[in-house]
């Protein structure tokens, strides 16, 4: 192993439109995401954002660099 790094990332969403945009761009987070399929949950999230403030998502990423011996 040559290098191992990790990072904990924090993302704050202040409106449901930003969540939708993010999920459409980062397709591996929720495979098969569509607004139509998730509409009831998106409405709930919108109401929560309005009453409680931003939604905070955290992720952990790893970078592993390895080389085959020889």
N, C-alpha and C. Protein backbone atom coordinates (compact mmCIF):
# COMPACT_ATOMS: atom_id res chain seq x y z
N UNK A 1 0.84 -1.17 0.00
CA UNK A 1 0.00 0.00 0.00
C UNK A 1 0.89 1.23 0.00
N UNK A 2 0.60 2.15 -0.89
CA UNK A 2 1.40 3.36 -1.03
C UNK A 2 0.81 4.50 -0.21
N UNK A 3 -0.53 4.62 -0.24
CA UNK A 3 -1.18 5.75 0.43
C UNK A 3 -2.60 5.35 0.81
N UNK A 4 -3.05 5.85 1.93
CA UNK A 4 -4.43 5.65 2.37
C UNK A 4 -4.90 6.96 2.98
N UNK A 5 -6.00 7.47 2.45
CA UNK A 5 -6.56 8.72 2.97
C UNK A 5 -8.07 8.56 3.13
N UNK A 6 -8.61 9.29 4.08
CA UNK A 6 -10.06 9.33 4.19
C UNK A 6 -10.49 10.74 4.54
N UNK A 7 -11.71 11.03 4.18
CA UNK A 7 -12.27 12.35 4.43
C UNK A 7 -13.73 12.20 4.82
N UNK A 8 -14.14 12.92 5.82
CA UNK A 8 -15.55 12.99 6.19
C UNK A 8 -16.09 14.31 5.65
N UNK A 9 -17.14 14.21 4.86
CA UNK A 9 -17.69 15.38 4.19
C UNK A 9 -19.08 15.69 4.73
N UNK A 10 -19.37 16.95 4.82
CA UNK A 10 -20.67 17.41 5.32
C UNK A 10 -21.31 18.27 4.22
N UNK A 11 -22.55 17.96 3.91
CA UNK A 11 -23.29 18.73 2.91
C UNK A 11 -24.59 19.20 3.55
N UNK A 12 -24.88 20.48 3.44
CA UNK A 12 -26.12 21.04 3.97
C UNK A 12 -27.04 21.39 2.81
N UNK A 13 -28.29 20.98 2.93
CA UNK A 13 -29.31 21.30 1.93
C UNK A 13 -30.33 22.22 2.58
N UNK A 14 -30.54 23.37 1.94
CA UNK A 14 -31.46 24.36 2.48
C UNK A 14 -32.82 24.35 1.80
N UNK A 15 -32.93 23.66 0.65
CA UNK A 15 -34.22 23.54 0.00
C UNK A 15 -34.29 22.23 -0.78
N UNK A 16 -35.49 21.79 -1.01
CA UNK A 16 -35.71 20.48 -1.64
C UNK A 16 -35.23 20.47 -3.09
N UNK A 17 -35.24 21.61 -3.75
CA UNK A 17 -34.73 21.69 -5.11
C UNK A 17 -33.25 21.33 -5.18
N UNK A 18 -32.49 21.75 -4.18
CA UNK A 18 -31.07 21.40 -4.13
C UNK A 18 -30.88 19.90 -3.92
N UNK A 19 -31.74 19.29 -3.12
CA UNK A 19 -31.67 17.84 -2.91
C UNK A 19 -31.95 17.12 -4.22
N UNK A 20 -32.97 17.55 -4.93
CA UNK A 20 -33.32 16.93 -6.21
C UNK A 20 -32.17 17.07 -7.20
N UNK A 21 -31.61 18.25 -7.31
CA UNK A 21 -30.49 18.49 -8.21
C UNK A 21 -29.32 17.56 -7.86
N UNK A 22 -28.99 17.49 -6.59
CA UNK A 22 -27.89 16.65 -6.13
C UNK A 22 -28.14 15.18 -6.47
N UNK A 23 -29.33 14.68 -6.19
CA UNK A 23 -29.62 13.27 -6.43
C UNK A 23 -29.66 12.93 -7.92
N UNK A 24 -29.99 13.89 -8.75
CA UNK A 24 -29.94 13.66 -10.20
C UNK A 24 -28.51 13.63 -10.73
N UNK A 25 -27.61 14.35 -10.09
CA UNK A 25 -26.21 14.39 -10.53
C UNK A 25 -25.36 13.28 -9.92
N UNK A 26 -25.65 12.92 -8.69
CA UNK A 26 -24.88 11.90 -7.98
C UNK A 26 -25.74 10.63 -7.94
N UNK A 27 -25.85 9.99 -9.09
CA UNK A 27 -26.85 8.93 -9.30
C UNK A 27 -26.62 7.69 -8.44
N UNK A 28 -25.43 7.48 -7.93
CA UNK A 28 -25.17 6.30 -7.11
C UNK A 28 -25.69 6.45 -5.68
N UNK A 29 -26.07 7.64 -5.28
CA UNK A 29 -26.60 7.84 -3.92
C UNK A 29 -27.96 7.18 -3.74
N UNK A 30 -28.84 7.38 -4.69
CA UNK A 30 -30.17 6.76 -4.67
C UNK A 30 -30.43 6.24 -6.08
N UNK A 31 -29.99 5.01 -6.36
CA UNK A 31 -30.17 4.46 -7.71
C UNK A 31 -31.65 4.47 -8.13
N UNK A 32 -31.89 4.92 -9.35
CA UNK A 32 -33.25 4.97 -9.87
C UNK A 32 -34.09 6.12 -9.35
N UNK A 33 -33.45 7.12 -8.74
CA UNK A 33 -34.19 8.26 -8.19
C UNK A 33 -34.97 8.98 -9.28
N UNK A 34 -36.26 9.21 -8.99
CA UNK A 34 -37.10 10.10 -9.81
C UNK A 34 -37.94 10.93 -8.86
N UNK A 35 -38.25 12.14 -9.28
CA UNK A 35 -39.09 13.01 -8.46
C UNK A 35 -40.45 12.37 -8.27
N UNK A 36 -41.00 11.79 -9.34
CA UNK A 36 -42.33 11.20 -9.27
C UNK A 36 -42.40 10.09 -8.21
N UNK A 37 -41.40 9.23 -8.20
CA UNK A 37 -41.40 8.11 -7.26
C UNK A 37 -41.25 8.57 -5.81
N UNK A 38 -40.46 9.62 -5.61
CA UNK A 38 -40.16 10.09 -4.26
C UNK A 38 -40.95 11.32 -3.85
N UNK A 39 -41.95 11.69 -4.63
CA UNK A 39 -42.69 12.93 -4.38
C UNK A 39 -43.24 13.04 -2.95
N UNK A 40 -43.89 12.01 -2.41
CA UNK A 40 -44.38 12.15 -1.02
C UNK A 40 -43.25 12.43 -0.02
N UNK A 41 -42.14 11.76 -0.16
CA UNK A 41 -41.03 11.97 0.76
C UNK A 41 -40.37 13.33 0.54
N UNK A 42 -40.33 13.77 -0.70
CA UNK A 42 -39.78 15.10 -0.99
C UNK A 42 -40.65 16.19 -0.39
N UNK A 43 -41.96 15.99 -0.43
CA UNK A 43 -42.87 16.98 0.21
C UNK A 43 -42.63 17.02 1.71
N UNK A 44 -42.47 15.84 2.33
CA UNK A 44 -42.18 15.79 3.77
C UNK A 44 -40.86 16.50 4.07
N UNK A 45 -39.86 16.27 3.23
CA UNK A 45 -38.57 16.92 3.43
C UNK A 45 -38.70 18.43 3.28
N UNK A 46 -39.48 18.87 2.30
CA UNK A 46 -39.70 20.31 2.12
C UNK A 46 -40.30 20.92 3.38
N UNK A 47 -41.31 20.26 3.93
CA UNK A 47 -41.94 20.77 5.16
C UNK A 47 -40.94 20.80 6.32
N UNK A 48 -40.12 19.77 6.40
CA UNK A 48 -39.12 19.71 7.47
C UNK A 48 -38.08 20.83 7.31
N UNK A 49 -37.65 21.07 6.08
CA UNK A 49 -36.69 22.14 5.84
C UNK A 49 -37.27 23.50 6.20
N UNK A 50 -38.55 23.68 5.90
CA UNK A 50 -39.22 24.94 6.22
C UNK A 50 -39.33 25.15 7.73
N UNK A 51 -39.59 24.08 8.48
CA UNK A 51 -39.82 24.23 9.91
C UNK A 51 -38.57 24.08 10.77
N UNK A 52 -37.63 23.22 10.34
CA UNK A 52 -36.48 22.91 11.19
C UNK A 52 -35.15 23.44 10.68
N UNK A 53 -35.10 23.87 9.43
CA UNK A 53 -33.84 24.35 8.87
C UNK A 53 -33.17 23.30 8.01
N UNK A 54 -31.90 23.49 7.71
CA UNK A 54 -31.21 22.65 6.72
C UNK A 54 -31.12 21.18 7.10
N UNK A 55 -31.10 20.36 6.06
CA UNK A 55 -30.86 18.92 6.18
C UNK A 55 -29.37 18.71 6.00
N UNK A 56 -28.75 18.00 6.92
CA UNK A 56 -27.31 17.78 6.87
C UNK A 56 -27.04 16.32 6.52
N UNK A 57 -26.26 16.12 5.47
CA UNK A 57 -25.87 14.77 5.05
C UNK A 57 -24.36 14.65 5.23
N UNK A 58 -23.92 13.51 5.74
CA UNK A 58 -22.48 13.28 5.89
C UNK A 58 -22.10 12.02 5.14
N UNK A 59 -20.92 12.04 4.57
CA UNK A 59 -20.39 10.88 3.87
C UNK A 59 -18.92 10.73 4.22
N UNK A 60 -18.43 9.54 4.06
CA UNK A 60 -17.01 9.26 4.26
C UNK A 60 -16.46 8.71 2.97
N UNK A 61 -15.33 9.23 2.56
CA UNK A 61 -14.68 8.79 1.32
C UNK A 61 -13.28 8.28 1.65
N UNK A 62 -12.88 7.24 0.93
CA UNK A 62 -11.55 6.67 1.08
C UNK A 62 -10.81 6.72 -0.25
N UNK A 63 -9.53 7.01 -0.19
CA UNK A 63 -8.65 6.92 -1.34
C UNK A 63 -7.55 5.93 -0.97
N UNK A 64 -7.47 4.85 -1.72
CA UNK A 64 -6.47 3.83 -1.46
C UNK A 64 -5.59 3.73 -2.70
N UNK A 65 -4.29 3.94 -2.51
CA UNK A 65 -3.35 3.78 -3.59
C UNK A 65 -2.47 2.58 -3.27
N UNK A 66 -2.48 1.61 -4.16
CA UNK A 66 -1.70 0.40 -3.95
C UNK A 66 -0.97 0.05 -5.25
N UNK A 67 0.12 -0.64 -5.07
CA UNK A 67 0.89 -1.09 -6.22
C UNK A 67 1.18 -2.58 -6.07
N UNK A 68 1.16 -3.24 -7.19
CA UNK A 68 1.50 -4.65 -7.20
C UNK A 68 3.01 -4.81 -7.02
N UNK A 69 3.45 -5.66 -6.10
CA UNK A 69 4.89 -5.83 -5.90
C UNK A 69 5.58 -6.34 -7.15
N UNK A 70 6.83 -5.93 -7.30
CA UNK A 70 7.64 -6.48 -8.37
C UNK A 70 7.64 -5.64 -9.57
